[in-house]
Amino acid sequence: MSFYGIAGLFISAYLWCTILWNVGSGYDRFDRKEGVVCIFRWGFPGIKRRVFLRFLMRDIQSIRIQVKEGLFPRRILYMEIRGQGAIPLTRTDEKFFTPREIEQKAAELAYFLRIPMEVF
């Protein structure tokens, strides 16, 4: 029993640190004037605490929506970058988006960037 109690303490400490350090939060900046996309996210403390990605708009291939329905539905918005793969723009644990809201966000972003939108 003490093993499970200690394991629970470690898991709860990890979760509280994740909440307090605001891991995964950040912003996306799309600058059509300069032709640059910047994505910033906060990580865990250490050398790579700040994750800053910068791309040219012409390297973006498409905006992709991944929809998985069922007991635990997931709706994630990705940006396909040439040579880099897919980068998630929404949090993977965010279940508050309805299919219409995520589709609206993807359509607005695809229209702004003038690229195609894919649904998987």
PDB file of N, CA and C in Angstrom:
ATOM      1  N   MET A   1       0.812  -1.197   0.000  1.00  0.00           N
ATOM      2  CA  MET A   1       0.000   0.000   0.000  1.00  0.00           C
ATOM      3  C   MET A   1       0.858   1.264   0.000  1.00  0.00           C
ATOM      4  N   SER A   2       1.966   1.213   0.701  1.00  0.00           N
ATOM      5  CA  SER A   2       2.810   2.407   0.745  1.00  0.00           C
ATOM      6  C   SER A   2       3.416   2.702  -0.627  1.00  0.00           C
ATOM      7  N   PHE A   3       3.670   1.643  -1.429  1.00  0.00           N
ATOM      8  CA  PHE A   3       4.185   1.856  -2.776  1.00  0.00           C
ATOM      9  C   PHE A   3       3.202   2.670  -3.608  1.00  0.00           C
ATOM     10  N   TYR A   4       1.927   2.322  -3.551  1.00  0.00           N
ATOM     11  CA  TYR A   4       0.922   3.050  -4.316  1.00  0.00           C
ATOM     12  C   TYR A   4       0.742   4.475  -3.799  1.00  0.00           C
ATOM     13  N   GLY A   5       0.869   4.663  -2.500  1.00  0.00           N
ATOM     14  CA  GLY A   5       0.794   6.005  -1.929  1.00  0.00           C
ATOM     15  C   GLY A   5       1.936   6.882  -2.394  1.00  0.00           C
ATOM     16  N   ILE A   6       3.145   6.336  -2.402  1.00  0.00           N
ATOM     17  CA  ILE A   6       4.314   7.097  -2.854  1.00  0.00           C
ATOM     18  C   ILE A   6       4.222   7.367  -4.356  1.00  0.00           C
ATOM     19  N   ALA A   7       3.792   6.367  -5.121  1.00  0.00           N
ATOM     20  CA  ALA A   7       3.618   6.563  -6.565  1.00  0.00           C
ATOM     21  C   ALA A   7       2.580   7.652  -6.832  1.00  0.00           C
ATOM     22  N   GLY A   8       1.493   7.655  -6.068  1.00  0.00           N
ATOM     23  CA  GLY A   8       0.466   8.688  -6.217  1.00  0.00           C
ATOM     24  C   GLY A   8       1.008  10.071  -5.892  1.00  0.00           C
ATOM     25  N   LEU A   9       1.868  10.175  -4.883  1.00  0.00           N
ATOM     26  CA  LEU A   9       2.477  11.461  -4.542  1.00  0.00           C
ATOM     27  C   LEU A   9       3.362  11.977  -5.680  1.00  0.00           C
ATOM     28  N   PHE A  10       4.143  11.092  -6.284  1.00  0.00           N
ATOM     29  CA  PHE A  10       4.995  11.511  -7.397  1.00  0.00           C
ATOM     30  C   PHE A  10       4.161  11.953  -8.601  1.00  0.00           C
ATOM     31  N   ILE A  11       3.123  11.210  -8.901  1.00  0.00           N
ATOM     32  CA  ILE A  11       2.271  11.578 -10.041  1.00  0.00           C
ATOM     33  C   ILE A  11       1.568  12.898  -9.779  1.00  0.00           C
ATOM     34  N   SER A  12       1.074  13.084  -8.561  1.00  0.00           N
ATOM     35  CA  SER A  12       0.391  14.350  -8.265  1.00  0.00           C
ATOM     36  C   SER A  12       1.380  15.517  -8.271  1.00  0.00           C
ATOM     37  N   ALA A  13       2.614  15.302  -7.807  1.00  0.00           N
ATOM     38  CA  ALA A  13       3.625  16.366  -7.848  1.00  0.00           C
ATOM     39  C   ALA A  13       3.948  16.730  -9.293  1.00  0.00           C
ATOM     40  N   TYR A  14       4.064  15.721 -10.157  1.00  0.00           N
ATOM     41  CA  TYR A  14       4.315  15.971 -11.575  1.00  0.00           C
ATOM     42  C   TYR A  14       3.173  16.773 -12.198  1.00  0.00           C
ATOM     43  N   LEU A  15       1.947  16.382 -11.923  1.00  0.00           N
ATOM     44  CA  LEU A  15       0.803  17.092 -12.496  1.00  0.00           C
ATOM     45  C   LEU A  15       0.705  18.526 -11.979  1.00  0.00           C
ATOM     46  N   TRP A  16       0.958  18.732 -10.687  1.00  0.00           N
ATOM     47  CA  TRP A  16       0.904  20.095 -10.137  1.00  0.00           C
ATOM     48  C   TRP A  16       2.019  20.963 -10.729  1.00  0.00           C
ATOM     49  N   CYS A  17       3.193  20.404 -10.915  1.00  0.00           N
ATOM     50  CA  CYS A  17       4.285  21.170 -11.533  1.00  0.00           C
ATOM     51  C   CYS A  17       3.937  21.530 -12.971  1.00  0.00           C
ATOM     52  N   THR A  18       3.318  20.598 -13.688  1.00  0.00           N
ATOM     53  CA  THR A  18       2.903  20.876 -15.063  1.00  0.00           C
ATOM     54  C   THR A  18       1.912  22.021 -15.102  1.00  0.00           C
ATOM     55  N   ILE A  19       0.991  22.049 -14.164  1.00  0.00           N
ATOM     56  CA  ILE A  19      -0.009  23.123 -14.116  1.00  0.00           C
ATOM     57  C   ILE A  19       0.643  24.451 -13.722  1.00  0.00           C
ATOM     58  N   LEU A  20       1.472  24.431 -12.687  1.00  0.00           N
ATOM     59  CA  LEU A  20       2.073  25.674 -12.193  1.00  0.00           C
ATOM     60  C   LEU A  20       3.081  26.270 -13.179  1.00  0.00           C
ATOM     61  N   TRP A  21       3.832  25.425 -13.891  1.00  0.00           N
ATOM     62  CA  TRP A  21       4.806  25.919 -14.859  1.00  0.00           C
ATOM     63  C   TRP A  21       4.166  26.248 -16.201  1.00  0.00           C
ATOM     64  N   ASN A  22       2.883  25.938 -16.335  1.00  0.00           N
ATOM     65  CA  ASN A  22       2.118  26.262 -17.551  1.00  0.00           C
ATOM     66  C   ASN A  22       2.738  25.597 -18.791  1.00  0.00           C
ATOM     67  N   VAL A  23       3.097  24.343 -18.651  1.00  0.00           N
ATOM     68  CA  VAL A  23       3.744  23.593 -19.732  1.00  0.00           C
ATOM     69  C   VAL A  23       2.767  23.416 -20.892  1.00  0.00           C
ATOM     70  N   GLY A  24       3.236  23.704 -22.085  1.00  0.00           N
ATOM     71  CA  GLY A  24       2.427  23.526 -23.280  1.00  0.00           C
ATOM     72  C   GLY A  24       1.705  24.776 -23.734  1.00  0.00           C
ATOM     73  N   SER A  25       1.684  25.798 -22.915  1.00  0.00           N
ATOM     74  CA  SER A  25       1.003  27.026 -23.336  1.00  0.00           C
ATOM     75  C   SER A  25       1.949  27.854 -24.202  1.00  0.00           C
ATOM     76  N   GLY A  26       1.401  28.791 -24.911  1.00  0.00           N
ATOM     77  CA  GLY A  26       2.206  29.623 -25.785  1.00  0.00           C
ATOM     78  C   GLY A  26       1.340  30.351 -26.784  1.00  0.00           C
ATOM     79  N   TYR A  27       1.921  30.701 -27.906  1.00  0.00           N
ATOM     80  CA  TYR A  27       1.168  31.429 -28.922  1.00  0.00           C
ATOM     81  C   TYR A  27       1.670  31.052 -30.313  1.00  0.00           C
ATOM     82  N   ASP A  28       0.827  31.350 -31.300  1.00  0.00           N
ATOM     83  CA  ASP A  28       1.158  31.176 -32.716  1.00  0.00           C
ATOM     84  C   ASP A  28       1.053  32.549 -33.368  1.00  0.00           C
ATOM     85  N   ARG A  29       2.068  32.928 -34.134  1.00  0.00           N
ATOM     86  CA  ARG A  29       2.038  34.218 -34.823  1.00  0.00           C
ATOM     87  C   ARG A  29       2.223  33.984 -36.320  1.00  0.00           C
ATOM     88  N   PHE A  30       1.268  34.475 -37.085  1.00  0.00           N
ATOM     89  CA  PHE A  30       1.297  34.345 -38.533  1.00  0.00           C
ATOM     90  C   PHE A  30       1.454  35.748 -39.108  1.00  0.00           C
ATOM     91  N   ASP A  31       2.597  36.029 -39.715  1.00  0.00           N
ATOM     92  CA  ASP A  31       2.891  37.346 -40.257  1.00  0.00           C
ATOM     93  C   ASP A  31       2.969  37.255 -41.781  1.00  0.00           C
ATOM     94  N   ARG A  32       1.890  37.647 -42.435  1.00  0.00           N
ATOM     95  CA  ARG A  32       1.836  37.560 -43.890  1.00  0.00           C
ATOM     96  C   ARG A  32       2.771  38.581 -44.542  1.00  0.00           C
ATOM     97  N   LYS A  33       2.977  39.720 -43.877  1.00  0.00           N
ATOM     98  CA  LYS A  33       3.825  40.779 -44.430  1.00  0.00           C
ATOM     99  C   LYS A  33       5.272  40.301 -44.599  1.00  0.00           C
ATOM    100  N   GLU A  34       5.789  39.630 -43.574  1.00  0.00           N
ATOM    101  CA  GLU A  34       7.157  39.111 -43.638  1.00  0.00           C
ATOM    102  C   GLU A  34       7.212  37.693 -44.205  1.00  0.00           C
ATOM    103  N   GLY A  35       6.056  37.013 -44.255  1.00  0.00           N
ATOM    104  CA  GLY A  35       6.012  35.645 -44.757  1.00  0.00           C
ATOM    105  C   GLY A  35       6.570  34.634 -43.780  1.00  0.00           C
ATOM    106  N   VAL A  36       6.375  34.894 -42.477  1.00  0.00           N
ATOM    107  CA  VAL A  36       6.965  34.054 -41.442  1.00  0.00           C
ATOM    108  C   VAL A  36       5.872  33.575 -40.482  1.00  0.00           C
ATOM    109  N   VAL A  37       6.015  32.339 -40.028  1.00  0.00           N
ATOM    110  CA  VAL A  37       5.141  31.772 -38.990  1.00  0.00           C
ATOM    111  C   VAL A  37       6.010  31.457 -37.789  1.00  0.00           C
ATOM    112  N   CYS A  38       5.625  31.954 -36.611  1.00  0.00           N
ATOM    113  CA  CYS A  38       6.356  31.691 -35.375  1.00  0.00           C
ATOM    114  C   CYS A  38       5.441  30.950 -34.404  1.00  0.00           C
ATOM    115  N   ILE A  39       5.952  29.879 -33.821  1.00  0.00           N
ATOM    116  CA  ILE A  39       5.206  29.106 -32.826  1.00  0.00           C
ATOM    117  C   ILE A  39       6.057  29.065 -31.570  1.00  0.00           C
ATOM    118  N   PHE A  40       5.469  29.495 -30.457  1.00  0.00           N
ATOM    119  CA  PHE A  40       6.182  29.527 -29.181  1.00  0.00           C
ATOM    120  C   PHE A  40       5.415  28.699 -28.166  1.00  0.00           C
ATOM    121  N   ARG A  41       6.106  27.833 -27.432  1.00  0.00           N
ATOM    122  CA  ARG A  41       5.508  27.023 -26.372  1.00  0.00           C
ATOM    123  C   ARG A  41       6.446  26.992 -25.164  1.00  0.00           C
ATOM    124  N   TRP A  42       5.858  26.926 -23.976  1.00  0.00           N
ATOM    125  CA  TRP A  42       6.621  26.748 -22.751  1.00  0.00           C
ATOM    126  C   TRP A  42       6.787  25.258 -22.484  1.00  0.00           C
ATOM    127  N   GLY A  43       7.954  24.851 -22.030  1.00  0.00           N
ATOM    128  CA  GLY A  43       8.229  23.459 -21.691  1.00  0.00           C
ATOM    129  C   GLY A  43       8.584  23.344 -20.219  1.00  0.00           C
ATOM    130  N   PHE A  44       9.151  22.224 -19.838  1.00  0.00           N
ATOM    131  CA  PHE A  44       9.593  22.032 -18.463  1.00  0.00           C
ATOM    132  C   PHE A  44      10.878  22.822 -18.224  1.00  0.00           C
ATOM    133  N   PRO A  45      11.140  23.248 -16.979  1.00  0.00           N
ATOM    134  CA  PRO A  45      12.356  24.007 -16.693  1.00  0.00           C
ATOM    135  C   PRO A  45      13.614  23.226 -17.075  1.00  0.00           C
ATOM    136  N   GLY A  46      14.570  23.955 -17.537  1.00  0.00           N
ATOM    137  CA  GLY A  46      15.825  23.345 -17.966  1.00  0.00           C
ATOM    138  C   GLY A  46      16.366  24.097 -19.163  1.00  0.00           C
ATOM    139  N   ILE A  47      17.207  23.426 -19.916  1.00  0.00           N
ATOM    140  CA  ILE A  47      17.850  24.052 -21.059  1.00  0.00           C
ATOM    141  C   ILE A  47      16.840  24.408 -22.141  1.00  0.00           C
ATOM    142  N   LYS A  48      15.876  23.531 -22.382  1.00  0.00           N
ATOM    143  CA  LYS A  48      14.905  23.752 -23.452  1.00  0.00           C
ATOM    144  C   LYS A  48      13.551  24.180 -22.899  1.00  0.00           C
ATOM    145  N   ARG A  49      13.535  25.117 -21.983  1.00  0.00           N
ATOM    146  CA  ARG A  49      12.289  25.616 -21.385  1.00  0.00           C
ATOM    147  C   ARG A  49      11.425  26.321 -22.421  1.00  0.00           C
ATOM    148  N   ARG A  50      12.056  27.105 -23.281  1.00  0.00           N
ATOM    149  CA  ARG A  50      11.323  27.842 -24.319  1.00  0.00           C
ATOM    150  C   ARG A  50      11.505  27.131 -25.655  1.00  0.00           C
ATOM    151  N   VAL A  51      10.383  26.750 -26.251  1.00  0.00           N
ATOM    152  CA  VAL A  51      10.411  26.111 -27.569  1.00  0.00           C
ATOM    153  C   VAL A  51       9.911  27.147 -28.561  1.00  0.00           C
ATOM    154  N   PHE A  52      10.783  27.578 -29.470  1.00  0.00           N
ATOM    155  CA  PHE A  52      10.442  28.606 -30.447  1.00  0.00           C
ATOM    156  C   PHE A  52      10.738  28.060 -31.839  1.00  0.00           C
ATOM    157  N   LEU A  53       9.690  27.904 -32.640  1.00  0.00           N
ATOM    158  CA  LEU A  53       9.823  27.402 -34.003  1.00  0.00           C
ATOM    159  C   LEU A  53       9.485  28.527 -34.966  1.00  0.00           C
ATOM    160  N   ARG A  54      10.242  28.612 -36.039  1.00  0.00           N
ATOM    161  CA  ARG A  54      10.032  29.674 -37.028  1.00  0.00           C
ATOM    162  C   ARG A  54      10.117  29.072 -38.431  1.00  0.00           C
ATOM    163  N   PHE A  55       9.094  29.336 -39.265  1.00  0.00           N
ATOM    164  CA  PHE A  55       9.041  28.798 -40.616  1.00  0.00           C
ATOM    165  C   PHE A  55       8.694  29.903 -41.591  1.00  0.00           C
ATOM    166  N   LEU A  56       8.974  29.637 -42.838  1.00  0.00           N
ATOM    167  CA  LEU A  56       8.497  30.503 -43.904  1.00  0.00           C
ATOM    168  C   LEU A  56       7.108  30.024 -44.314  1.00  0.00           C
ATOM    169  N   MET A  57       6.245  30.946 -44.680  1.00  0.00           N
ATOM    170  CA  MET A  57       4.882  30.572 -45.047  1.00  0.00           C
ATOM    171  C   MET A  57       4.852  29.691 -46.289  1.00  0.00           C
ATOM    172  N   ARG A  58       5.814  29.848 -47.168  1.00  0.00           N
ATOM    173  CA  ARG A  58       5.803  29.045 -48.390  1.00  0.00           C
ATOM    174  C   ARG A  58       6.166  27.584 -48.108  1.00  0.00           C
ATOM    175  N   ASP A  59       6.691  27.286 -46.915  1.00  0.00           N
ATOM    176  CA  ASP A  59       7.007  25.906 -46.547  1.00  0.00           C
ATOM    177  C   ASP A  59       5.814  25.163 -45.962  1.00  0.00           C
ATOM    178  N   ILE A  60       4.721  25.849 -45.691  1.00  0.00           N
ATOM    179  CA  ILE A  60       3.531  25.202 -45.132  1.00  0.00           C
ATOM    180  C   ILE A  60       2.781  24.528 -46.276  1.00  0.00           C
ATOM    181  N   GLN A  61       2.532  23.228 -46.125  1.00  0.00           N
ATOM    182  CA  GLN A  61       1.852  22.468 -47.166  1.00  0.00           C
ATOM    183  C   GLN A  61       0.340  22.487 -46.992  1.00  0.00           C
ATOM    184  N   SER A  62      -0.150  22.274 -45.760  1.00  0.00           N
ATOM    185  CA  SER A  62      -1.590  22.216 -45.552  1.00  0.00           C
ATOM    186  C   SER A  62      -1.915  22.332 -44.066  1.00  0.00           C
ATOM    187  N   ILE A  63      -3.189  22.549 -43.797  1.00  0.00           N
ATOM    188  CA  ILE A  63      -3.732  22.498 -42.444  1.00  0.00           C
ATOM    189  C   ILE A  63      -4.515  21.201 -42.362  1.00  0.00           C
ATOM    190  N   ARG A  64      -4.251  20.404 -41.342  1.00  0.00           N
ATOM    191  CA  ARG A  64      -4.872  19.083 -41.232  1.00  0.00           C
ATOM    192  C   ARG A  64      -5.673  18.980 -39.941  1.00  0.00           C
ATOM    193  N   ILE A  65      -6.847  18.408 -40.033  1.00  0.00           N
ATOM    194  CA  ILE A  65      -7.677  18.153 -38.863  1.00  0.00           C
ATOM    195  C   ILE A  65      -7.721  16.653 -38.650  1.00  0.00           C
ATOM    196  N   GLN A  66      -7.374  16.221 -37.445  1.00  0.00           N
ATOM    197  CA  GLN A  66      -7.479  14.807 -37.104  1.00  0.00           C
ATOM    198  C   GLN A  66      -8.655  14.654 -36.143  1.00  0.00           C
ATOM    199  N   VAL A  67      -9.623  13.849 -36.543  1.00  0.00           N
ATOM    200  CA  VAL A  67     -10.827  13.650 -35.747  1.00  0.00           C
ATOM    201  C   VAL A  67     -10.926  12.181 -35.382  1.00  0.00           C
ATOM    202  N   LYS A  68     -11.018  11.900 -34.098  1.00  0.00           N
ATOM    203  CA  LYS A  68     -11.261  10.541 -33.609  1.00  0.00           C
ATOM    204  C   LYS A  68     -12.460  10.611 -32.669  1.00  0.00           C
ATOM    205  N   GLU A  69     -13.516   9.992 -33.056  1.00  0.00           N
ATOM    206  CA  GLU A  69     -14.729   9.971 -32.241  1.00  0.00           C
ATOM    207  C   GLU A  69     -14.769   8.679 -31.441  1.00  0.00           C
ATOM    208  N   GLY A  70     -15.654   8.607 -30.507  1.00  0.00           N
ATOM    209  CA  GLY A  70     -15.801   7.414 -29.690  1.00  0.00           C
ATOM    210  C   GLY A  70     -15.908   7.790 -28.229  1.00  0.00           C
ATOM    211  N   LEU A  71     -15.426   6.911 -27.364  1.00  0.00           N
ATOM    212  CA  LEU A  71     -15.520   7.142 -25.928  1.00  0.00           C
ATOM    213  C   LEU A  71     -14.666   8.340 -25.499  1.00  0.00           C
ATOM    214  N   PHE A  72     -13.484   8.453 -26.079  1.00  0.00           N
ATOM    215  CA  PHE A  72     -12.599   9.580 -25.800  1.00  0.00           C
ATOM    216  C   PHE A  72     -12.328  10.325 -27.103  1.00  0.00           C
ATOM    217  N   PRO A  73     -13.189  11.255 -27.486  1.00  0.00           N
ATOM    218  CA  PRO A  73     -13.018  11.940 -28.778  1.00  0.00           C
ATOM    219  C   PRO A  73     -11.816  12.889 -28.751  1.00  0.00           C
ATOM    220  N   ARG A  74     -11.126  12.962 -29.897  1.00  0.00           N
ATOM    221  CA  ARG A  74      -9.995  13.885 -30.057  1.00  0.00           C
ATOM    222  C   ARG A  74     -10.165  14.646 -31.351  1.00  0.00           C
ATOM    223  N   ARG A  75     -10.000  15.940 -31.279  1.00  0.00           N
ATOM    224  CA  ARG A  75     -10.032  16.794 -32.465  1.00  0.00           C
ATOM    225  C   ARG A  75      -8.806  17.692 -32.392  1.00  0.00           C
ATOM    226  N   ILE A  76      -7.828  17.428 -33.253  1.00  0.00           N
ATOM    227  CA  ILE A  76      -6.550  18.136 -33.189  1.00  0.00           C
ATOM    228  C   ILE A  76      -6.305  18.823 -34.523  1.00  0.00           C
ATOM    229  N   LEU A  77      -5.811  20.034 -34.449  1.00  0.00           N
ATOM    230  CA  LEU A  77      -5.480  20.831 -35.624  1.00  0.00           C
ATOM    231  C   LEU A  77      -3.963  20.805 -35.814  1.00  0.00           C
ATOM    232  N   TYR A  78      -3.515  20.354 -36.991  1.00  0.00           N
ATOM    233  CA  TYR A  78      -2.089  20.260 -37.297  1.00  0.00           C
ATOM    234  C   TYR A  78      -1.746  21.187 -38.453  1.00  0.00           C
ATOM    235  N   MET A  79      -0.476  21.578 -38.513  1.00  0.00           N
ATOM    236  CA  MET A  79       0.047  22.323 -39.644  1.00  0.00           C
ATOM    237  C   MET A  79       1.170  21.481 -40.258  1.00  0.00           C
ATOM    238  N   GLU A  80       0.996  21.101 -41.519  1.00  0.00           N
ATOM    239  CA  GLU A  80       1.992  20.294 -42.226  1.00  0.00           C
ATOM    240  C   GLU A  80       3.079  21.208 -42.779  1.00  0.00           C
ATOM    241  N   ILE A  81       4.323  20.961 -42.374  1.00  0.00           N
ATOM    242  CA  ILE A  81       5.463  21.761 -42.810  1.00  0.00           C
ATOM    243  C   ILE A  81       6.355  20.889 -43.689  1.00  0.00           C
ATOM    244  N   ARG A  82       6.783  21.415 -44.796  1.00  0.00           N
ATOM    245  CA  ARG A  82       7.660  20.690 -45.720  1.00  0.00           C
ATOM    246  C   ARG A  82       8.993  20.404 -45.026  1.00  0.00           C
ATOM    247  N   GLY A  83       9.352  19.126 -44.912  1.00  0.00           N
ATOM    248  CA  GLY A  83      10.612  18.728 -44.300  1.00  0.00           C
ATOM    249  C   GLY A  83      10.574  18.618 -42.789  1.00  0.00           C
ATOM    250  N   GLN A  84       9.478  19.019 -42.128  1.00  0.00           N
ATOM    251  CA  GLN A  84       9.397  18.985 -40.666  1.00  0.00           C
ATOM    252  C   GLN A  84       8.294  18.067 -40.160  1.00  0.00           C
ATOM    253  N   GLY A  85       7.320  17.759 -40.988  1.00  0.00           N
ATOM    254  CA  GLY A  85       6.215  16.921 -40.545  1.00  0.00           C
ATOM    255  C   GLY A  85       5.052  17.762 -40.058  1.00  0.00           C
ATOM    256  N   ALA A  86       4.227  17.168 -39.212  1.00  0.00           N
ATOM    257  CA  ALA A  86       3.031  17.834 -38.703  1.00  0.00           C
ATOM    258  C   ALA A  86       3.304  18.425 -37.324  1.00  0.00           C
ATOM    259  N   ILE A  87       2.888  19.658 -37.133  1.00  0.00           N
ATOM    260  CA  ILE A  87       3.045  20.347 -35.857  1.00  0.00           C
ATOM    261  C   ILE A  87       1.655  20.639 -35.304  1.00  0.00           C
ATOM    262  N   PRO A  88       1.333  20.167 -34.083  1.00  0.00           N
ATOM    263  CA  PRO A  88      -0.002  20.425 -33.540  1.00  0.00           C
ATOM    264  C   PRO A  88      -0.167  21.894 -33.158  1.00  0.00           C
ATOM    265  N   LEU A  89      -1.316  22.458 -33.515  1.00  0.00           N
ATOM    266  CA  LEU A  89      -1.620  23.846 -33.169  1.00  0.00           C
ATOM    267  C   LEU A  89      -2.563  23.938 -31.978  1.00  0.00           C
ATOM    268  N   THR A  90      -3.346  22.892 -31.736  1.00  0.00           N
ATOM    269  CA  THR A  90      -4.216  22.858 -30.561  1.00  0.00           C
ATOM    270  C   THR A  90      -3.669  21.813 -29.602  1.00  0.00           C
ATOM    271  N   ARG A  91      -4.048  21.928 -28.367  1.00  0.00           N
ATOM    272  CA  ARG A  91      -3.606  20.959 -27.379  1.00  0.00           C
ATOM    273  C   ARG A  91      -4.260  19.622 -27.658  1.00  0.00           C
ATOM    274  N   THR A  92      -3.532  18.551 -27.420  1.00  0.00           N
ATOM    275  CA  THR A  92      -4.060  17.222 -27.714  1.00  0.00           C
ATOM    276  C   THR A  92      -5.110  16.790 -26.702  1.00  0.00           C
ATOM    277  N   ASP A  93      -5.106  17.389 -25.519  1.00  0.00           N
ATOM    278  CA  ASP A  93      -6.079  17.002 -24.503  1.00  0.00           C
ATOM    279  C   ASP A  93      -7.280  17.948 -24.456  1.00  0.00           C
ATOM    280  N   GLU A  94      -7.385  18.841 -25.387  1.00  0.00           N
ATOM    281  CA  GLU A  94      -8.464  19.825 -25.391  1.00  0.00           C
ATOM    282  C   GLU A  94      -9.717  19.223 -26.016  1.00  0.00           C
ATOM    283  N   LYS A  95     -10.712  18.957 -25.190  1.00  0.00           N
ATOM    284  CA  LYS A  95     -11.934  18.314 -25.661  1.00  0.00           C
ATOM    285  C   LYS A  95     -13.092  19.305 -25.739  1.00  0.00           C
ATOM    286  N   PHE A  96     -12.810  20.566 -25.612  1.00  0.00           N
ATOM    287  CA  PHE A  96     -13.859  21.564 -25.546  1.00  0.00           C
ATOM    288  C   PHE A  96     -14.325  22.024 -26.922  1.00  0.00           C
ATOM    289  N   PHE A  97     -13.575  21.683 -27.953  1.00  0.00           N
ATOM    290  CA  PHE A  97     -13.952  22.095 -29.296  1.00  0.00           C
ATOM    291  C   PHE A  97     -15.006  21.157 -29.859  1.00  0.00           C
ATOM    292  N   THR A  98     -16.054  21.717 -30.391  1.00  0.00           N
ATOM    293  CA  THR A  98     -17.017  20.921 -31.127  1.00  0.00           C
ATOM    294  C   THR A  98     -16.453  20.733 -32.535  1.00  0.00           C
ATOM    295  N   PRO A  99     -16.962  19.766 -33.284  1.00  0.00           N
ATOM    296  CA  PRO A  99     -16.447  19.590 -34.654  1.00  0.00           C
ATOM    297  C   PRO A  99     -16.619  20.852 -35.496  1.00  0.00           C
ATOM    298  N   ARG A 100     -17.690  21.583 -35.276  1.00  0.00           N
ATOM    299  CA  ARG A 100     -17.912  22.812 -36.042  1.00  0.00           C
ATOM    300  C   ARG A 100     -16.877  23.877 -35.696  1.00  0.00           C
ATOM    301  N   GLU A 101     -16.528  24.017 -34.410  1.00  0.00           N
ATOM    302  CA  GLU A 101     -15.545  25.024 -33.996  1.00  0.00           C
ATOM    303  C   GLU A 101     -14.155  24.718 -34.549  1.00  0.00           C
ATOM    304  N   ILE A 102     -13.737  23.451 -34.475  1.00  0.00           N
ATOM    305  CA  ILE A 102     -12.402  23.107 -34.971  1.00  0.00           C
ATOM    306  C   ILE A 102     -12.346  23.259 -36.485  1.00  0.00           C
ATOM    307  N   GLU A 103     -13.449  22.941 -37.167  1.00  0.00           N
ATOM    308  CA  GLU A 103     -13.491  23.114 -38.618  1.00  0.00           C
ATOM    309  C   GLU A 103     -13.458  24.593 -38.989  1.00  0.00           C
ATOM    310  N   GLN A 104     -14.130  25.421 -38.197  1.00  0.00           N
ATOM    311  CA  GLN A 104     -14.137  26.864 -38.437  1.00  0.00           C
ATOM    312  C   GLN A 104     -12.730  27.448 -38.269  1.00  0.00           C
ATOM    313  N   LYS A 105     -12.037  27.038 -37.200  1.00  0.00           N
ATOM    314  CA  LYS A 105     -10.671  27.519 -36.984  1.00  0.00           C
ATOM    315  C   LYS A 105      -9.748  27.096 -38.118  1.00  0.00           C
ATOM    316  N   ALA A 106      -9.872  25.844 -38.545  1.00  0.00           N
ATOM    317  CA  ALA A 106      -9.022  25.346 -39.624  1.00  0.00           C
ATOM    318  C   ALA A 106      -9.320  26.069 -40.929  1.00  0.00           C
ATOM    319  N   ALA A 107     -10.590  26.315 -41.217  1.00  0.00           N
ATOM    320  CA  ALA A 107     -10.954  27.000 -42.459  1.00  0.00           C
ATOM    321  C   ALA A 107     -10.440  28.444 -42.463  1.00  0.00           C
ATOM    322  N   GLU A 108     -10.566  29.137 -41.335  1.00  0.00           N
ATOM    323  CA  GLU A 108     -10.060  30.510 -41.252  1.00  0.00           C
ATOM    324  C   GLU A 108      -8.544  30.556 -41.448  1.00  0.00           C
ATOM    325  N   LEU A 109      -7.830  29.627 -40.825  1.00  0.00           N
ATOM    326  CA  LEU A 109      -6.378  29.597 -40.940  1.00  0.00           C
ATOM    327  C   LEU A 109      -5.945  29.226 -42.358  1.00  0.00           C
ATOM    328  N   ALA A 110      -6.606  28.239 -42.955  1.00  0.00           N
ATOM    329  CA  ALA A 110      -6.270  27.843 -44.321  1.00  0.00           C
ATOM    330  C   ALA A 110      -6.569  28.977 -45.304  1.00  0.00           C
ATOM    331  N   TYR A 111      -7.644  29.701 -45.087  1.00  0.00           N
ATOM    332  CA  TYR A 111      -7.974  30.831 -45.951  1.00  0.00           C
ATOM    333  C   TYR A 111      -6.940  31.951 -45.806  1.00  0.00           C
ATOM    334  N   PHE A 112      -6.536  32.231 -44.568  1.00  0.00           N
ATOM    335  CA  PHE A 112      -5.544  33.279 -44.318  1.00  0.00           C
ATOM    336  C   PHE A 112      -4.197  32.929 -44.947  1.00  0.00           C
ATOM    337  N   LEU A 113      -3.779  31.663 -44.818  1.00  0.00           N
ATOM    338  CA  LEU A 113      -2.485  31.238 -45.350  1.00  0.00           C
ATOM    339  C   LEU A 113      -2.539  30.856 -46.831  1.00  0.00           C
ATOM    340  N   ARG A 114      -3.754  30.752 -47.363  1.00  0.00           N
ATOM    341  CA  ARG A 114      -3.979  30.372 -48.764  1.00  0.00           C
ATOM    342  C   ARG A 114      -3.382  29.000 -49.082  1.00  0.00           C
ATOM    343  N   ILE A 115      -3.734  28.029 -48.241  1.00  0.00           N
ATOM    344  CA  ILE A 115      -3.272  26.653 -48.426  1.00  0.00           C
ATOM    345  C   ILE A 115      -4.476  25.721 -48.280  1.00  0.00           C
ATOM    346  N   PRO A 116      -4.353  24.455 -48.728  1.00  0.00           N
ATOM    347  CA  PRO A 116      -5.495  23.536 -48.617  1.00  0.00           C
ATOM    348  C   PRO A 116      -5.670  23.019 -47.194  1.00  0.00           C
ATOM    349  N   MET A 117      -6.885  22.506 -46.955  1.00  0.00           N
ATOM    350  CA  MET A 117      -7.234  21.932 -45.663  1.00  0.00           C
ATOM    351  C   MET A 117      -7.556  20.461 -45.866  1.00  0.00           C
ATOM    352  N   GLU A 118      -7.033  19.597 -44.985  1.00  0.00           N
ATOM    353  CA  GLU A 118      -7.262  18.153 -45.063  1.00  0.00           C
ATOM    354  C   GLU A 118      -7.935  17.673 -43.785  1.00  0.00           C
ATOM    355  N   VAL A 119      -8.805  16.677 -43.902  1.00  0.00           N
ATOM    356  CA  VAL A 119      -9.477  16.102 -42.747  1.00  0.00           C
ATOM    357  C   VAL A 119      -9.175  14.617 -42.712  1.00  0.00           C
ATOM    358  N   PHE A 120      -8.685  14.122 -41.554  1.00  0.00           N
ATOM    359  CA  PHE A 120      -8.387  12.703 -41.373  1.00  0.00           C
ATOM    360  C   PHE A 120      -9.160  12.165 -40.215  1.00  0.00           C
TER     361      PHE A 120
END
